[in-house]
Amino acid sequence: MARIGRLRPINARPLWIKQPLAILAENAADGIVVRGGEITELIAAGDTPSGLDAATDMDVFDAREHVILPGLVSTHHHFYQTLTRAHRSAINKPLFPWLEALFPVWRHLTPELIALSTRLALAELLLSGCTTASDHHYVFPDGLDEAIDIQVEEARASGMRATLTRGSMSLSVEDGGLPPREVVQREDVILRDSERVISAYHESGPGARVQIALAPCSPFSCTREGMRDTAALARSHGVRLHTHIAETHDETAHCLATFGMRPVDYLEDTGWFGPDVWVAHGIHFDDGELERLGASHMSVCHCPSSNMVLSSGICRTLELEENGVTVGLGVDGSASNDCSNMMQEVRQALMIQRLQYGAERVDHLRALKWGTSGSAGCLGRDDIGEISVGKRADLALFKLDELRFSGAEDPIAALVLCGAHRADAVMVEGDWRVRGGHLCGLDEARLRAEHHAAAQTLWKA
């Protein structure tokens, strides 16, 4: 099968990424210096790297045709759903009917399908300028016990940073939930495996490449006891918590009928309030709930494309931020977005939030912040999401040489407003993972063929 090539050793020589067309950083008009996976110097206009000779002491990357952004960070995805994009049984449906149509398909997932879907999703994300991704895998039919192990292997091979969440479902339709019994697990199995993958794979501290979080799927697929026990386990190991919450009115109705409370009250009741929690969607909060979430220093991942496809609603991003909630972005699952393009998600966020708040209140820089430092905050990271000295050298470089950009004056605004969708070069930890618009060491055509063939077998299962 097509694989992304092995990582090369990080070059010990400094690299001057020189004189970019534009850069999303202050006092760096003549570029930045990268060494050992870290940004070590910002070069102001007219300056050169201090104490170094560009001819003898460093490598130089001519960035005069490139716009440089911090590597984008996606904080919510479902990699396996790349196998069921535009699936006939699910198109043109809101969330609950959409899930009911796809659960019978996803019950046939296999280890090979998890490997291919993860590989393809990571490749798509990298090509869009994304350097860190979080995935929420919660479907564990029989034979798929090592899904997270497979994802760790694929993430390491891709060179990306990843927060892989050990998701779960324990409340089947027979017990008053939404998923069929074939895709849920017993809670003791979930907790035991959650502890296993944390111990085996979670890295902490600056520069971590693979991190683990725990992520019961939703209030309509997990028990109250499972939510509480998962929160306690995560905190005993110092890892973060993630779930879907307040995505649809159907979810609110389910919580009221099943638990006698709204989704946010359910989160608090099960011990899920705190700065170690980030939630996906977060659309249907009332004013009081916004204040409570902010007081708990929680984070929300806005998923604009998925919310539009499933007609779920619009996240109240500005009010969340005004109340002290960190806002990031995620592409969400490819079956409800139909692509894994983080740069496109930045543009979608800009457009839908302008529709809600007006053009004067939401500009392209705010949308880019959601996709970089805001998303990094959702994952509890302060070492990525920004171009400044001491941050990790995770960078996305775009060219403006397509017809769509002709006539654009502001290069950074053009990336968002004119619809950039493919990076020319992407660096993770100082290592080039994309050059010339293509992944280093990956046969993209072969991966696409293998993935699509595997998807067809899933549809027919």
Protein backbone atom coordinates (compact mmCIF):
# COMPACT_ATOMS: atom_id res chain seq x y z
CA MET A 1 0.00 0.00 0.00
CA ALA A 2 1.09 3.60 -0.62
CA ARG A 3 2.79 5.06 2.41
CA ILE A 4 4.17 8.42 3.39
CA GLY A 5 7.95 8.19 3.50
CA ARG A 6 10.00 7.83 6.65
CA LEU A 7 10.87 11.02 8.48
CA ARG A 8 14.29 12.40 7.78
CA PRO A 9 16.54 13.46 10.67
CA ILE A 10 16.00 17.13 11.48
CA ASN A 11 18.74 19.21 9.87
CA ALA A 12 21.11 20.55 12.52
CA ARG A 13 22.00 23.49 10.26
CA PRO A 14 19.84 26.58 10.63
CA LEU A 15 17.38 27.28 7.82
CA TRP A 16 16.53 30.83 6.83
CA ILE A 17 13.08 30.97 5.22
CA LYS A 18 13.88 34.21 3.51
CA GLN A 19 11.90 37.29 2.45
CA PRO A 20 8.36 35.87 2.18
CA LEU A 21 5.71 37.57 0.11
CA ALA A 22 3.80 37.87 3.40
CA ILE A 23 3.92 36.22 6.81
CA LEU A 24 1.39 35.99 9.65
CA ALA A 25 3.82 37.28 12.27
CA GLU A 26 5.05 40.63 13.51
CA ASN A 27 8.57 41.87 12.81
CA ALA A 28 9.33 39.03 10.40
CA ALA A 29 9.10 40.72 7.02
CA ASP A 30 12.43 39.23 5.94
CA GLY A 31 11.58 35.77 7.24
CA ILE A 32 12.37 33.40 10.06
CA VAL A 33 15.18 31.10 11.14
CA VAL A 34 14.42 27.47 11.99
CA ARG A 35 16.78 25.14 13.80
CA GLY A 36 16.27 21.77 15.47
CA GLY A 37 12.51 21.86 14.94
CA GLU A 38 12.13 25.28 16.58
CA ILE A 39 11.70 28.86 15.40
CA THR A 40 14.81 30.57 16.71
CA GLU A 41 14.69 34.05 15.17
CA LEU A 42 12.33 36.47 13.42
CA ILE A 43 14.04 38.61 10.79
CA ALA A 44 12.73 42.17 10.54
CA ALA A 45 12.69 44.05 7.25
CA GLY A 46 16.21 44.81 6.08
CA ASP A 47 17.88 42.55 8.65
CA THR A 48 19.75 39.27 8.30
CA PRO A 49 20.10 36.37 10.75
CA SER A 50 22.26 37.38 13.69
CA GLY A 51 25.71 35.82 13.98
CA LEU A 52 25.29 33.69 10.85
CA ASP A 53 26.58 33.90 7.29
CA ALA A 54 23.89 32.92 4.81
CA ALA A 55 26.55 31.68 2.39
CA THR A 56 28.31 29.29 4.76
CA ASP A 57 26.48 28.80 8.06
CA MET A 58 22.92 28.03 7.03
CA ASP A 59 20.55 26.75 4.40
CA VAL A 60 18.26 29.25 2.68
CA PHE A 61 14.73 28.78 1.36
CA ASP A 62 13.69 31.55 -1.03
CA ALA A 63 10.14 32.41 0.04
CA ARG A 64 9.54 35.45 -2.16
CA GLU A 65 6.58 33.73 -3.81
CA HIS A 66 5.12 32.34 -0.59
CA VAL A 67 2.66 33.47 2.06
CA ILE A 68 3.63 31.87 5.38
CA LEU A 69 1.13 30.86 8.05
CA PRO A 70 1.53 28.93 11.26
CA GLY A 71 0.63 25.32 10.56
CA LEU A 72 -3.14 24.99 10.79
CA VAL A 73 -4.60 22.90 13.62
CA SER A 74 -7.78 20.83 13.20
CA THR A 75 -9.39 19.92 16.50
CA HIS A 76 -12.19 17.57 15.42
CA HIS A 77 -12.38 14.91 12.72
CA HIS A 78 -13.48 11.34 12.10
CA PHE A 79 -10.84 9.89 9.78
CA TYR A 80 -12.76 6.68 9.04
CA GLN A 81 -15.56 8.69 7.45
CA THR A 82 -13.42 9.40 4.39
CA LEU A 83 -14.72 5.98 3.30
CA THR A 84 -18.37 7.11 3.19
CA ARG A 85 -18.36 10.52 1.55
CA ALA A 86 -21.49 11.46 -0.41
CA HIS A 87 -22.97 8.09 0.55
CA ARG A 88 -26.35 7.68 -1.10
CA SER A 89 -28.09 6.50 2.04
CA ALA A 90 -27.05 9.56 4.03
CA ILE A 91 -27.04 12.62 1.78
CA ASN A 92 -29.66 15.32 2.37
CA LYS A 93 -30.38 14.27 5.97
CA PRO A 94 -29.92 15.96 9.36
CA LEU A 95 -27.73 14.43 12.06
CA PHE A 96 -29.87 11.69 13.64
CA PRO A 97 -31.21 10.19 10.37
CA TRP A 98 -27.74 10.62 8.87
CA LEU A 99 -26.19 8.58 11.69
CA GLU A 100 -28.92 5.94 11.50
CA ALA A 101 -28.17 5.54 7.79
CA LEU A 102 -24.40 5.18 8.28
CA PHE A 103 -24.07 3.10 11.46
CA PRO A 104 -24.97 -0.10 9.54
CA VAL A 105 -22.14 0.68 7.09
CA TRP A 106 -19.55 1.58 9.73
CA ARG A 107 -20.16 -1.66 11.62
CA HIS A 108 -18.12 -3.37 8.86
CA LEU A 109 -14.94 -1.36 9.44
CA THR A 110 -11.74 -3.43 9.50
CA PRO A 111 -8.14 -2.72 10.55
CA GLU A 112 -7.11 -2.25 6.90
CA LEU A 113 -9.93 0.26 6.38
CA ILE A 114 -8.88 2.22 9.46
CA ALA A 115 -5.28 2.34 8.20
CA LEU A 116 -6.25 3.55 4.73
CA SER A 117 -8.83 6.07 5.90
CA THR A 118 -6.43 7.52 8.47
CA ARG A 119 -3.61 7.73 5.91
CA LEU A 120 -5.80 9.48 3.38
CA ALA A 121 -7.27 11.95 5.89
CA LEU A 122 -3.82 12.90 7.16
CA ALA A 123 -2.59 13.36 3.59
CA GLU A 124 -5.52 15.64 2.76
CA LEU A 125 -4.97 17.68 5.88
CA LEU A 126 -1.24 18.11 5.27
CA LEU A 127 -1.87 19.27 1.72
CA SER A 128 -4.26 21.91 3.03
CA GLY A 129 -1.58 23.36 5.34
CA CYS A 130 -2.62 21.48 8.49
CA THR A 131 0.23 20.29 10.70
CA THR A 132 -1.68 19.08 13.79
CA ALA A 133 -4.92 17.11 13.74
CA SER A 134 -7.22 15.61 16.33
CA ASP A 135 -9.31 12.59 15.44
CA HIS A 136 -12.36 11.29 17.29
CA HIS A 137 -12.66 7.56 16.68
CA TYR A 138 -15.61 6.03 18.51
CA VAL A 139 -16.77 3.06 16.37
CA PHE A 140 -15.37 -0.27 17.63
CA PRO A 141 -17.15 -3.25 16.06
CA ASP A 142 -15.77 -6.72 16.72
CA GLY A 143 -12.21 -7.10 15.41
CA LEU A 144 -11.33 -3.41 15.65
CA ASP A 145 -9.89 -3.36 19.15
CA GLU A 146 -6.58 -1.85 17.97
CA ALA A 147 -7.99 1.05 15.94
CA ILE A 148 -6.11 3.66 18.00
CA ASP A 149 -2.86 1.69 17.68
CA ILE A 150 -3.28 1.74 13.90
CA GLN A 151 -3.92 5.48 13.93
CA VAL A 152 -0.80 6.10 16.01
CA GLU A 153 1.30 4.21 13.46
CA GLU A 154 -0.19 6.19 10.57
CA ALA A 155 0.21 9.53 12.34
CA ARG A 156 3.86 8.83 13.08
CA ALA A 157 4.48 7.82 9.46
CA SER A 158 2.82 11.00 8.16
CA GLY A 159 5.05 13.29 10.22
CA MET A 160 2.07 15.25 11.53
CA ARG A 161 1.29 15.96 15.14
CA ALA A 162 -1.87 14.21 16.28
CA THR A 163 -4.18 14.17 19.25
CA LEU A 164 -5.92 10.83 18.87
CA THR A 165 -8.97 10.46 21.03
CA ARG A 166 -10.05 7.07 22.31
CA GLY A 167 -13.75 7.53 21.65
CA SER A 168 -16.53 5.26 22.80
CA MET A 169 -20.21 4.40 22.64
CA SER A 170 -21.93 2.31 25.31
CA LEU A 171 -25.62 3.20 24.96
CA SER A 172 -27.23 1.19 22.16
CA VAL A 173 -30.67 1.67 20.64
CA GLU A 174 -31.94 -1.16 22.84
CA ASP A 175 -30.88 0.88 25.90
CA GLY A 176 -32.41 4.16 24.74
CA GLY A 177 -29.48 5.42 22.67
CA LEU A 178 -29.04 5.89 18.94
CA PRO A 179 -26.33 3.44 17.72
CA PRO A 180 -27.00 -0.27 17.04
CA ARG A 181 -25.60 -2.80 19.47
CA GLU A 182 -22.98 -3.98 16.95
CA VAL A 183 -20.93 -0.76 17.32
CA VAL A 184 -21.08 -0.19 21.10
CA GLN A 185 -18.83 -1.62 23.81
CA ARG A 186 -19.13 -2.47 27.48
CA GLU A 187 -17.89 0.28 29.75
CA ASP A 188 -15.30 -1.91 31.46
CA VAL A 189 -13.80 -2.70 28.05
CA ILE A 190 -13.76 0.99 27.14
CA LEU A 191 -12.05 2.08 30.33
CA ARG A 192 -9.48 -0.71 30.24
CA ASP A 193 -8.50 0.07 26.66
CA SER A 194 -8.49 3.82 27.33
CA GLU A 195 -5.95 3.33 30.08
CA ARG A 196 -3.90 1.04 27.83
CA VAL A 197 -3.57 3.51 24.96
CA ILE A 198 -2.75 6.40 27.30
CA SER A 199 0.05 4.38 28.87
CA ALA A 200 1.33 3.17 25.52
CA TYR A 201 1.24 6.31 23.40
CA HIS A 202 0.57 9.61 25.16
CA GLU A 203 3.42 12.13 24.99
CA SER A 204 3.48 15.29 27.06
CA GLY A 205 5.41 18.53 27.00
CA PRO A 206 6.53 20.88 24.20
CA GLY A 207 7.02 19.23 20.83
CA ALA A 208 4.85 16.19 21.59
CA ARG A 209 4.01 14.37 18.35
CA VAL A 210 1.27 11.96 19.51
CA GLN A 211 -1.12 12.68 22.33
CA ILE A 212 -4.13 10.74 23.57
CA ALA A 213 -7.42 12.14 24.86
CA LEU A 214 -10.59 10.37 25.98
CA ALA A 215 -13.79 11.04 24.09
CA PRO A 216 -17.18 9.41 24.76
CA CYS A 217 -19.12 10.16 21.59
CA SER A 218 -22.23 12.01 22.74
CA PRO A 219 -25.08 12.16 25.26
CA PHE A 220 -27.20 9.96 22.98
CA SER A 221 -24.63 7.16 22.74
CA CYS A 222 -22.98 7.03 26.19
CA THR A 223 -24.26 6.39 29.70
CA ARG A 224 -24.05 8.84 32.56
CA GLU A 225 -21.80 6.44 34.47
CA GLY A 226 -19.50 6.06 31.47
CA MET A 227 -19.12 9.82 31.16
CA ARG A 228 -18.24 10.17 34.84
CA ASP A 229 -15.81 7.27 34.90
CA THR A 230 -14.08 8.47 31.74
CA ALA A 231 -13.60 11.96 33.20
CA ALA A 232 -12.08 10.50 36.35
CA LEU A 233 -9.75 8.24 34.36
CA ALA A 234 -8.57 11.06 32.09
CA ARG A 235 -7.78 13.31 35.03
CA SER A 236 -5.92 10.59 36.85
CA HIS A 237 -3.57 10.41 33.84
CA GLY A 238 -3.49 14.12 33.00
CA VAL A 239 -5.04 13.82 29.52
CA ARG A 240 -7.77 15.92 27.94
CA LEU A 241 -11.47 15.19 27.43
CA HIS A 242 -13.53 15.63 24.27
CA THR A 243 -17.10 14.99 23.12
CA HIS A 244 -19.87 16.23 20.83
CA ILE A 245 -22.25 18.58 22.64
CA ALA A 246 -25.12 20.95 21.78
CA GLU A 247 -24.94 20.08 18.09
CA THR A 248 -28.67 19.79 17.30
CA HIS A 249 -32.09 20.44 18.76
CA ASP A 250 -32.67 16.66 18.63
CA GLU A 251 -29.78 16.21 21.04
CA THR A 252 -31.28 18.76 23.43
CA ALA A 253 -34.63 16.98 23.28
CA HIS A 254 -32.93 13.62 23.94
CA CYS A 255 -31.10 14.98 27.00
CA LEU A 256 -34.29 16.48 28.41
CA ALA A 257 -36.21 13.25 27.88
CA THR A 258 -33.47 10.88 29.05
CA PHE A 259 -31.64 12.81 31.76
CA GLY A 260 -34.10 15.54 32.65
CA MET A 261 -31.59 18.27 31.81
CA ARG A 262 -30.04 20.19 28.92
CA PRO A 263 -26.72 19.07 27.40
CA VAL A 264 -24.59 21.61 29.30
CA ASP A 265 -26.21 20.63 32.59
CA TYR A 266 -25.47 17.00 31.72
CA LEU A 267 -21.80 17.86 31.15
CA GLU A 268 -21.58 19.54 34.52
CA ASP A 269 -23.47 16.75 36.25
CA THR A 270 -21.03 14.15 34.91
CA GLY A 271 -17.90 16.09 35.90
CA TRP A 272 -17.08 17.47 32.48
CA PHE A 273 -16.60 21.13 33.37
CA GLY A 274 -13.01 22.32 33.34
CA PRO A 275 -10.10 23.73 31.32
CA ASP A 276 -9.12 20.21 30.20
CA VAL A 277 -12.33 19.83 28.14
CA TRP A 278 -12.92 20.84 24.54
CA VAL A 279 -16.21 20.06 22.84
CA ALA A 280 -17.20 19.80 19.20
CA HIS A 281 -19.90 21.97 17.60
CA GLY A 282 -21.30 23.82 20.65
CA ILE A 283 -24.12 25.41 18.70
CA HIS A 284 -27.21 25.46 20.90
CA PHE A 285 -26.06 27.17 24.10
CA ASP A 286 -28.22 29.76 25.85
CA ASP A 287 -26.72 32.94 27.34
CA GLY A 288 -26.38 31.50 30.82
CA GLU A 289 -24.60 28.43 29.48
CA LEU A 290 -22.11 30.61 27.62
CA GLU A 291 -21.21 32.27 30.92
CA ARG A 292 -20.84 28.95 32.72
CA LEU A 293 -18.62 27.49 30.00
CA GLY A 294 -16.40 30.55 30.09
CA ALA A 295 -16.15 30.47 33.87
CA SER A 296 -14.92 26.87 33.55
CA HIS A 297 -12.33 27.88 30.89
CA MET A 298 -13.60 25.29 28.42
CA SER A 299 -12.96 25.25 24.66
CA VAL A 300 -15.25 24.78 21.66
CA CYS A 301 -14.35 23.45 18.22
CA HIS A 302 -16.42 25.19 15.55
CA CYS A 303 -17.18 22.91 12.57
CA PRO A 304 -18.78 25.22 9.99
CA SER A 305 -18.91 22.92 6.95
CA SER A 306 -20.44 20.00 8.82
CA ASN A 307 -22.93 22.28 10.55
CA MET A 308 -24.06 23.59 7.17
CA VAL A 309 -24.21 20.17 5.47
CA LEU A 310 -26.33 18.69 8.27
CA SER A 311 -28.28 21.95 8.79
CA SER A 312 -27.43 21.83 12.48
CA GLY A 313 -27.11 25.57 13.15
CA ILE A 314 -24.42 28.22 13.62
CA CYS A 315 -21.94 28.28 16.50
CA ARG A 316 -22.03 31.50 18.57
CA THR A 317 -18.29 32.06 18.25
CA LEU A 318 -17.99 35.71 19.22
CA GLU A 319 -20.22 35.33 22.26
CA LEU A 320 -18.24 32.26 23.31
CA GLU A 321 -15.02 34.27 23.14
CA GLU A 322 -16.58 37.24 24.93
CA ASN A 323 -17.39 34.87 27.80
CA GLY A 324 -13.85 33.50 27.96
CA VAL A 325 -14.28 30.30 25.94
CA THR A 326 -11.42 29.37 23.57
CA VAL A 327 -12.67 28.80 20.00
CA GLY A 328 -10.91 26.59 17.46
CA LEU A 329 -11.82 24.93 14.18
CA GLY A 330 -12.24 21.39 12.93
CA VAL A 331 -13.11 19.86 9.58
CA ASP A 332 -15.30 17.23 11.30
CA GLY A 333 -15.93 13.90 9.61
CA SER A 334 -15.58 13.62 5.89
CA ALA A 335 -19.04 12.08 5.65
CA SER A 336 -20.59 15.32 6.92
CA ASN A 337 -18.09 17.69 5.31
CA ASP A 338 -16.98 15.55 2.35
CA CYS A 339 -13.43 16.82 2.49
CA SER A 340 -10.57 17.17 4.96
CA ASN A 341 -9.32 20.63 4.01
CA MET A 342 -8.42 22.87 6.91
CA MET A 343 -7.72 25.95 4.79
CA GLN A 344 -11.19 25.64 3.31
CA GLU A 345 -12.61 25.38 6.82
CA VAL A 346 -11.05 28.73 7.74
CA ARG A 347 -12.90 30.33 4.81
CA GLN A 348 -16.16 28.60 5.71
CA ALA A 349 -15.84 29.89 9.27
CA LEU A 350 -15.30 33.43 8.02
CA MET A 351 -18.33 33.32 5.74
CA ILE A 352 -20.87 31.76 8.08
CA GLN A 353 -19.80 33.91 11.01
CA ARG A 354 -20.07 37.07 8.90
CA LEU A 355 -23.59 35.97 8.03
CA GLN A 356 -24.30 35.83 11.77
CA TYR A 357 -22.38 38.86 13.09
CA GLY A 358 -21.71 41.11 10.10
CA ALA A 359 -18.61 41.83 8.02
CA GLU A 360 -17.27 44.46 10.41
CA ARG A 361 -17.00 42.07 13.37
CA VAL A 362 -15.47 39.00 11.69
CA ASP A 363 -12.38 39.46 9.55
CA HIS A 364 -9.97 37.04 7.92
CA LEU A 365 -7.43 37.39 10.73
CA ARG A 366 -9.96 36.25 13.31
CA ALA A 367 -10.82 33.22 11.19
CA LEU A 368 -7.12 32.38 10.83
CA LYS A 369 -6.69 32.75 14.60
CA TRP A 370 -9.45 30.18 15.15
CA GLY A 371 -7.59 27.77 12.86
CA THR A 372 -4.18 28.30 14.48
CA SER A 373 -3.68 29.58 18.04
CA GLY A 374 -7.36 29.06 18.96
CA SER A 375 -7.24 25.44 17.88
CA ALA A 376 -3.91 24.95 19.65
CA GLY A 377 -5.60 26.21 22.82
CA CYS A 378 -8.39 23.68 22.40
CA LEU A 379 -5.77 20.93 22.52
CA GLY A 380 -4.06 22.49 25.53
CA ARG A 381 -0.93 23.40 23.57
CA ASP A 382 1.08 26.62 23.72
CA ASP A 383 4.01 25.38 21.61
CA ILE A 384 2.24 25.51 18.23
CA GLY A 385 -0.25 27.69 16.36
CA GLU A 386 1.91 30.80 16.20
CA ILE A 387 5.04 32.07 14.44
CA SER A 388 7.25 33.37 17.21
CA VAL A 389 10.60 32.56 18.78
CA GLY A 390 10.50 29.38 20.84
CA LYS A 391 7.48 27.87 19.08
CA ARG A 392 7.80 24.64 17.13
CA ALA A 393 8.65 25.04 13.45
CA ASP A 394 5.25 24.00 12.07
CA LEU A 395 4.58 26.13 8.98
CA ALA A 396 2.29 26.26 5.94
CA LEU A 397 3.50 28.07 2.82
CA PHE A 398 1.08 28.99 0.06
CA LYS A 399 1.65 30.44 -3.41
CA LEU A 400 -0.71 32.89 -5.09
CA ASP A 401 -0.03 31.70 -8.63
CA GLU A 402 -3.50 30.38 -9.52
CA LEU A 403 -6.10 32.32 -11.51
CA ARG A 404 -8.26 32.66 -8.39
CA PHE A 405 -5.67 34.97 -6.81
CA SER A 406 -5.04 37.28 -9.77
CA GLY A 407 -5.75 40.89 -8.81
CA ALA A 408 -5.51 40.31 -5.05
CA GLU A 409 -3.72 43.09 -3.14
CA ASP A 410 -3.49 41.74 0.43
CA PRO A 411 -1.74 38.33 0.27
CA ILE A 412 -2.91 37.01 3.64
CA ALA A 413 -6.49 38.12 3.10
CA ALA A 414 -6.35 36.56 -0.38
CA LEU A 415 -5.64 33.12 1.07
CA VAL A 416 -8.97 33.21 2.89
CA LEU A 417 -11.15 35.36 0.64
CA CYS A 418 -10.00 33.89 -2.68
CA GLY A 419 -10.20 30.32 -1.42
CA ALA A 420 -6.70 28.86 -1.06
CA HIS A 421 -7.03 25.10 -0.69
CA ARG A 422 -3.61 23.50 -1.31
CA ALA A 423 -0.30 24.46 0.28
CA ASP A 424 2.87 24.55 -1.79
CA ALA A 425 5.07 23.56 1.15
CA VAL A 426 4.40 22.36 4.69
CA MET A 427 6.91 21.94 7.51
CA VAL A 428 6.39 20.01 10.76
CA GLU A 429 9.04 20.23 13.48
CA GLY A 430 11.47 21.71 10.95
CA ASP A 431 10.99 18.85 8.47
CA TRP A 432 9.42 19.39 5.05
CA ARG A 433 6.40 17.13 4.63
CA VAL A 434 5.01 18.85 1.51
CA ARG A 435 7.08 20.34 -1.32
CA GLY A 436 5.87 21.62 -4.64
CA GLY A 437 2.27 20.96 -3.64
CA HIS A 438 2.86 17.22 -3.13
CA LEU A 439 3.49 15.02 -0.12
CA CYS A 440 7.07 13.95 0.35
CA GLY A 441 7.47 10.22 -0.23
CA LEU A 442 3.81 9.45 -1.00
CA ASP A 443 2.27 8.15 -4.21
CA GLU A 444 -0.97 10.13 -4.02
CA ALA A 445 -2.59 8.47 -7.04
CA ARG A 446 -1.91 5.01 -5.65
CA LEU A 447 -3.28 5.95 -2.23
CA ARG A 448 -6.43 7.33 -3.80
CA ALA A 449 -6.94 4.16 -5.84
CA GLU A 450 -6.38 1.85 -2.87
CA HIS A 451 -8.60 3.92 -0.59
CA HIS A 452 -11.46 4.16 -3.09
CA ALA A 453 -11.36 0.45 -3.84
CA ALA A 454 -11.48 -0.29 -0.11
CA ALA A 455 -14.41 2.11 0.30
CA GLN A 456 -16.35 0.25 -2.37
CA THR A 457 -15.92 -3.01 -0.47
CA LEU A 458 -17.29 -1.29 2.64
CA TRP A 459 -20.36 -0.01 0.83
CA LYS A 460 -21.13 -3.50 -0.43
CA ALA A 461 -20.53 -5.31 2.88
